[in-house]
Amino acid sequence: MEDKICQSCGMPMSERDDSVGTNFDGTMSSEYCSSCYHLGEFTLDVTFEELVEEMYQLLLEDENHWEEDEAREYIVDHLSKLRRWKKSEPTVELYDNPKANENEV
């Protein structure tokens, strides 16, 4: 297996059997990691937005000290390119828009 990333969470996958998910028939998945995919089913029952939020919190805790807007933008961009999420339109708000509330009464 060449260097691949999980098409659900974006984490690197290696040739080790324990890092690769399994298809319905028990064979190794070429697309998903063991944390996301087991016996042909996703183990993470989350929406795109929920996964963005989980990963966002992890990046904010990272010692690289990501800026909030930069972290969220990176995650949305990264995940939206993965096979599992390509079908869904990202609806995550990247920034607060003060003008969005101007017309509300």
N, C-alpha and C. Protein backbone atom coordinates (compact mmCIF):
# COMPACT_ATOMS: atom_id res chain seq x y z
N MET A 1 0.86 -1.18 0.00
CA MET A 1 0.00 0.00 0.00
C MET A 1 0.90 1.24 0.00
N GLU A 2 0.70 2.08 -0.97
CA GLU A 2 1.46 3.33 -1.02
C GLU A 2 0.97 4.24 0.09
N ASP A 3 1.63 5.36 0.27
CA ASP A 3 1.20 6.31 1.29
C ASP A 3 -0.21 6.77 0.97
N LYS A 4 -1.12 6.46 1.86
CA LYS A 4 -2.51 6.84 1.66
C LYS A 4 -3.04 7.50 2.92
N ILE A 5 -4.12 8.23 2.73
CA ILE A 5 -4.81 8.78 3.89
C ILE A 5 -6.23 8.24 3.90
N CYS A 6 -6.78 8.13 5.08
CA CYS A 6 -8.16 7.66 5.24
C CYS A 6 -9.09 8.64 4.54
N GLN A 7 -10.00 8.12 3.76
CA GLN A 7 -10.93 8.95 3.00
C GLN A 7 -12.15 9.35 3.83
N SER A 8 -12.05 9.18 5.16
CA SER A 8 -13.08 9.66 6.06
C SER A 8 -12.52 10.71 7.01
N CYS A 9 -11.39 10.39 7.67
CA CYS A 9 -10.83 11.32 8.66
C CYS A 9 -9.56 12.02 8.21
N GLY A 10 -8.92 11.52 7.16
CA GLY A 10 -7.72 12.15 6.63
C GLY A 10 -6.43 11.74 7.31
N MET A 11 -6.49 10.79 8.23
CA MET A 11 -5.27 10.35 8.91
C MET A 11 -4.48 9.41 8.00
N PRO A 12 -3.15 9.39 8.16
CA PRO A 12 -2.32 8.50 7.34
C PRO A 12 -2.62 7.03 7.62
N MET A 13 -2.54 6.22 6.58
CA MET A 13 -2.73 4.78 6.72
C MET A 13 -1.43 4.10 6.29
N SER A 14 -1.02 3.10 7.04
CA SER A 14 0.21 2.38 6.70
C SER A 14 -0.15 0.97 6.24
N GLU A 15 0.87 0.20 5.96
CA GLU A 15 0.64 -1.18 5.52
C GLU A 15 0.29 -2.09 6.68
N ARG A 16 0.42 -1.60 7.91
CA ARG A 16 0.09 -2.43 9.07
C ARG A 16 -1.39 -2.77 9.05
N ASP A 17 -1.69 -4.02 9.28
CA ASP A 17 -3.08 -4.47 9.27
C ASP A 17 -3.94 -3.73 10.28
N ASP A 18 -3.35 -3.33 11.41
CA ASP A 18 -4.17 -2.70 12.46
C ASP A 18 -4.51 -1.24 12.16
N SER A 19 -3.93 -0.65 11.13
CA SER A 19 -4.26 0.74 10.82
C SER A 19 -5.27 0.85 9.68
N VAL A 20 -5.60 -0.28 9.07
CA VAL A 20 -6.47 -0.29 7.89
C VAL A 20 -7.83 -0.86 8.26
N GLY A 21 -8.90 -0.20 7.82
CA GLY A 21 -10.24 -0.70 8.06
C GLY A 21 -10.52 -1.97 7.26
N THR A 22 -11.65 -2.59 7.55
CA THR A 22 -12.00 -3.83 6.86
C THR A 22 -13.32 -3.69 6.12
N ASN A 23 -13.38 -4.35 4.97
CA ASN A 23 -14.60 -4.41 4.17
C ASN A 23 -15.57 -5.42 4.78
N PHE A 24 -16.77 -5.49 4.24
CA PHE A 24 -17.81 -6.38 4.73
C PHE A 24 -17.32 -7.83 4.83
N ASP A 25 -16.52 -8.25 3.85
CA ASP A 25 -16.03 -9.63 3.83
C ASP A 25 -14.76 -9.84 4.64
N GLY A 26 -14.31 -8.83 5.37
CA GLY A 26 -13.14 -8.94 6.22
C GLY A 26 -11.83 -8.59 5.54
N THR A 27 -11.85 -8.34 4.23
CA THR A 27 -10.63 -7.93 3.54
C THR A 27 -10.27 -6.50 3.93
N MET A 28 -9.01 -6.15 3.72
CA MET A 28 -8.55 -4.81 4.07
C MET A 28 -9.13 -3.77 3.13
N SER A 29 -9.58 -2.67 3.69
CA SER A 29 -10.08 -1.55 2.90
C SER A 29 -8.90 -0.75 2.37
N SER A 30 -8.99 -0.34 1.14
CA SER A 30 -7.92 0.49 0.58
C SER A 30 -8.20 1.97 0.78
N GLU A 31 -9.37 2.30 1.35
CA GLU A 31 -9.76 3.70 1.46
C GLU A 31 -9.91 4.23 2.89
N TYR A 32 -10.20 3.35 3.84
CA TYR A 32 -10.55 3.82 5.18
C TYR A 32 -9.70 3.17 6.27
N CYS A 33 -9.42 3.91 7.32
CA CYS A 33 -8.62 3.40 8.44
C CYS A 33 -9.48 2.59 9.40
N SER A 34 -8.80 1.89 10.31
CA SER A 34 -9.50 1.03 11.26
C SER A 34 -10.31 1.84 12.27
N SER A 35 -9.97 3.09 12.49
CA SER A 35 -10.75 3.92 13.41
C SER A 35 -12.08 4.33 12.81
N CYS A 36 -12.15 4.39 11.49
CA CYS A 36 -13.35 4.89 10.81
C CYS A 36 -14.23 3.80 10.19
N TYR A 37 -13.65 2.63 9.91
CA TYR A 37 -14.36 1.65 9.07
C TYR A 37 -14.08 0.24 9.56
N HIS A 38 -15.14 -0.53 9.82
CA HIS A 38 -14.99 -1.91 10.29
C HIS A 38 -16.09 -2.77 9.69
N LEU A 39 -15.66 -3.84 9.02
CA LEU A 39 -16.59 -4.78 8.39
C LEU A 39 -17.61 -4.09 7.50
N GLY A 40 -17.11 -3.15 6.71
CA GLY A 40 -17.95 -2.50 5.70
C GLY A 40 -18.86 -1.41 6.20
N GLU A 41 -18.68 -0.99 7.45
CA GLU A 41 -19.52 0.07 8.00
C GLU A 41 -18.65 1.13 8.67
N PHE A 42 -19.10 2.37 8.58
CA PHE A 42 -18.39 3.44 9.26
C PHE A 42 -18.61 3.31 10.76
N THR A 43 -17.53 3.43 11.52
CA THR A 43 -17.63 3.36 12.98
C THR A 43 -17.93 4.73 13.57
N LEU A 44 -17.61 5.77 12.83
CA LEU A 44 -17.90 7.13 13.27
C LEU A 44 -19.24 7.56 12.69
N ASP A 45 -20.25 7.60 13.52
CA ASP A 45 -21.58 8.02 13.07
C ASP A 45 -21.70 9.52 13.31
N VAL A 46 -21.03 10.28 12.45
CA VAL A 46 -21.01 11.73 12.60
C VAL A 46 -21.33 12.40 11.27
N THR A 47 -21.80 13.62 11.36
CA THR A 47 -21.99 14.43 10.16
C THR A 47 -20.68 15.13 9.85
N PHE A 48 -20.61 15.71 8.69
CA PHE A 48 -19.44 16.49 8.30
C PHE A 48 -19.17 17.57 9.34
N GLU A 49 -20.21 18.28 9.73
CA GLU A 49 -20.07 19.38 10.68
C GLU A 49 -19.57 18.90 12.04
N GLU A 50 -20.06 17.73 12.48
CA GLU A 50 -19.62 17.19 13.77
C GLU A 50 -18.15 16.80 13.73
N LEU A 51 -17.72 16.20 12.61
CA LEU A 51 -16.32 15.82 12.49
C LEU A 51 -15.43 17.06 12.43
N VAL A 52 -15.87 18.09 11.72
CA VAL A 52 -15.11 19.34 11.68
C VAL A 52 -14.93 19.87 13.10
N GLU A 53 -15.99 19.87 13.89
CA GLU A 53 -15.92 20.40 15.25
C GLU A 53 -14.97 19.57 16.12
N GLU A 54 -15.04 18.24 16.00
CA GLU A 54 -14.13 17.38 16.77
C GLU A 54 -12.68 17.65 16.40
N MET A 55 -12.40 17.72 15.12
CA MET A 55 -11.03 17.95 14.68
C MET A 55 -10.58 19.37 15.02
N TYR A 56 -11.50 20.31 14.97
CA TYR A 56 -11.21 21.70 15.32
C TYR A 56 -10.72 21.79 16.77
N GLN A 57 -11.43 21.12 17.66
CA GLN A 57 -11.04 21.14 19.07
C GLN A 57 -9.65 20.52 19.26
N LEU A 58 -9.36 19.44 18.53
CA LEU A 58 -8.04 18.81 18.62
C LEU A 58 -6.94 19.75 18.12
N LEU A 59 -7.19 20.44 17.02
CA LEU A 59 -6.18 21.36 16.50
C LEU A 59 -5.93 22.53 17.44
N LEU A 60 -6.99 23.01 18.08
CA LEU A 60 -6.81 24.13 19.01
C LEU A 60 -5.98 23.71 20.22
N GLU A 61 -6.05 22.42 20.58
CA GLU A 61 -5.27 21.91 21.70
C GLU A 61 -3.84 21.56 21.29
N ASP A 62 -3.59 21.50 20.00
CA ASP A 62 -2.28 21.13 19.46
C ASP A 62 -1.22 22.14 19.90
N GLU A 63 -0.04 21.65 20.14
CA GLU A 63 1.04 22.54 20.60
C GLU A 63 1.51 23.51 19.53
N ASN A 64 1.08 23.34 18.30
CA ASN A 64 1.44 24.30 17.25
C ASN A 64 0.64 25.59 17.36
N HIS A 65 -0.33 25.61 18.23
CA HIS A 65 -1.14 26.80 18.51
C HIS A 65 -1.74 27.42 17.25
N TRP A 66 -2.63 26.70 16.65
CA TRP A 66 -3.33 27.19 15.46
C TRP A 66 -4.19 28.39 15.81
N GLU A 67 -4.33 29.31 14.90
CA GLU A 67 -5.30 30.39 15.03
C GLU A 67 -6.67 29.78 14.77
N GLU A 68 -7.70 30.26 15.46
CA GLU A 68 -9.03 29.66 15.35
C GLU A 68 -9.55 29.62 13.92
N ASP A 69 -9.55 30.75 13.23
CA ASP A 69 -10.07 30.78 11.86
C ASP A 69 -9.24 29.91 10.93
N GLU A 70 -7.93 29.94 11.13
CA GLU A 70 -7.02 29.16 10.29
C GLU A 70 -7.27 27.66 10.48
N ALA A 71 -7.48 27.23 11.71
CA ALA A 71 -7.71 25.82 12.01
C ALA A 71 -9.00 25.33 11.36
N ARG A 72 -10.08 26.07 11.53
CA ARG A 72 -11.37 25.66 10.96
C ARG A 72 -11.31 25.63 9.43
N GLU A 73 -10.70 26.63 8.84
CA GLU A 73 -10.59 26.69 7.38
C GLU A 73 -9.78 25.50 6.85
N TYR A 74 -8.68 25.18 7.53
CA TYR A 74 -7.84 24.04 7.13
C TYR A 74 -8.65 22.74 7.18
N ILE A 75 -9.37 22.53 8.25
CA ILE A 75 -10.13 21.29 8.42
C ILE A 75 -11.21 21.15 7.37
N VAL A 76 -11.99 22.20 7.15
CA VAL A 76 -13.06 22.15 6.15
C VAL A 76 -12.47 21.87 4.78
N ASP A 77 -11.39 22.54 4.44
CA ASP A 77 -10.75 22.33 3.14
C ASP A 77 -10.25 20.90 3.01
N HIS A 78 -9.59 20.40 4.04
CA HIS A 78 -9.00 19.06 4.01
C HIS A 78 -10.08 17.97 3.93
N LEU A 79 -11.07 18.03 4.81
CA LEU A 79 -12.10 16.99 4.84
C LEU A 79 -12.98 17.01 3.60
N SER A 80 -13.27 18.18 3.07
CA SER A 80 -14.19 18.26 1.93
C SER A 80 -13.60 17.62 0.67
N LYS A 81 -12.31 17.34 0.67
CA LYS A 81 -11.67 16.69 -0.47
C LYS A 81 -11.68 15.16 -0.35
N LEU A 82 -12.05 14.65 0.81
CA LEU A 82 -12.04 13.21 1.04
C LEU A 82 -13.30 12.56 0.48
N ARG A 83 -13.15 11.33 0.01
CA ARG A 83 -14.22 10.62 -0.69
C ARG A 83 -15.53 10.57 0.12
N ARG A 84 -15.45 10.31 1.42
CA ARG A 84 -16.67 10.19 2.23
C ARG A 84 -17.46 11.50 2.26
N TRP A 85 -16.78 12.62 2.20
CA TRP A 85 -17.43 13.91 2.39
C TRP A 85 -17.61 14.70 1.11
N LYS A 86 -17.07 14.24 0.01
CA LYS A 86 -17.19 14.98 -1.26
C LYS A 86 -18.64 15.17 -1.67
N LYS A 87 -19.50 14.24 -1.35
CA LYS A 87 -20.90 14.30 -1.75
C LYS A 87 -21.66 15.39 -1.00
N SER A 88 -21.25 15.63 0.25
CA SER A 88 -21.99 16.60 1.05
C SER A 88 -21.39 17.98 0.91
N GLU A 89 -22.23 18.95 0.91
CA GLU A 89 -21.78 20.34 0.84
C GLU A 89 -21.43 20.80 2.24
N PRO A 90 -20.24 21.30 2.45
CA PRO A 90 -19.89 21.83 3.76
C PRO A 90 -20.80 23.02 4.11
N THR A 91 -21.40 22.95 5.28
CA THR A 91 -22.27 24.04 5.71
C THR A 91 -21.68 24.75 6.93
N VAL A 92 -20.46 24.42 7.26
CA VAL A 92 -19.83 25.02 8.42
C VAL A 92 -19.52 26.48 8.14
N GLU A 93 -19.91 27.33 9.08
CA GLU A 93 -19.59 28.75 8.96
C GLU A 93 -18.12 28.93 9.30
N LEU A 94 -17.35 29.48 8.38
CA LEU A 94 -15.93 29.68 8.64
C LEU A 94 -15.68 30.89 9.52
N TYR A 95 -16.48 31.90 9.37
CA TYR A 95 -16.27 33.13 10.12
C TYR A 95 -17.62 33.68 10.56
N ASP A 96 -17.61 34.39 11.68
CA ASP A 96 -18.82 35.11 12.07
C ASP A 96 -18.98 36.27 11.12
N ASN A 97 -20.18 36.45 10.62
CA ASN A 97 -20.45 37.53 9.68
C ASN A 97 -21.33 38.55 10.36
N PRO A 98 -20.77 39.66 10.83
CA PRO A 98 -21.57 40.66 11.54
C PRO A 98 -22.67 41.24 10.68
N LYS A 99 -22.49 41.27 9.37
CA LYS A 99 -23.52 41.83 8.49
C LYS A 99 -24.71 40.89 8.34
N ALA A 100 -24.54 39.63 8.68
CA ALA A 100 -25.63 38.67 8.54
C ALA A 100 -26.77 39.01 9.50
N ASN A 101 -26.46 39.64 10.62
CA ASN A 101 -27.48 39.95 11.61
C ASN A 101 -28.04 41.37 11.48
N GLU A 102 -27.54 42.17 10.57
CA GLU A 102 -27.97 43.56 10.46
C GLU A 102 -29.44 43.69 10.09
N ASN A 103 -29.97 42.77 9.30
CA ASN A 103 -31.35 42.87 8.85
C ASN A 103 -32.35 42.22 9.79
N GLU A 104 -31.86 41.60 10.86
CA GLU A 104 -32.77 40.98 11.81
C GLU A 104 -33.37 42.04 12.72
N VAL A 105 -34.63 41.83 13.09
CA VAL A 105 -35.32 42.79 13.96
C VAL A 105 -35.40 42.24 15.35
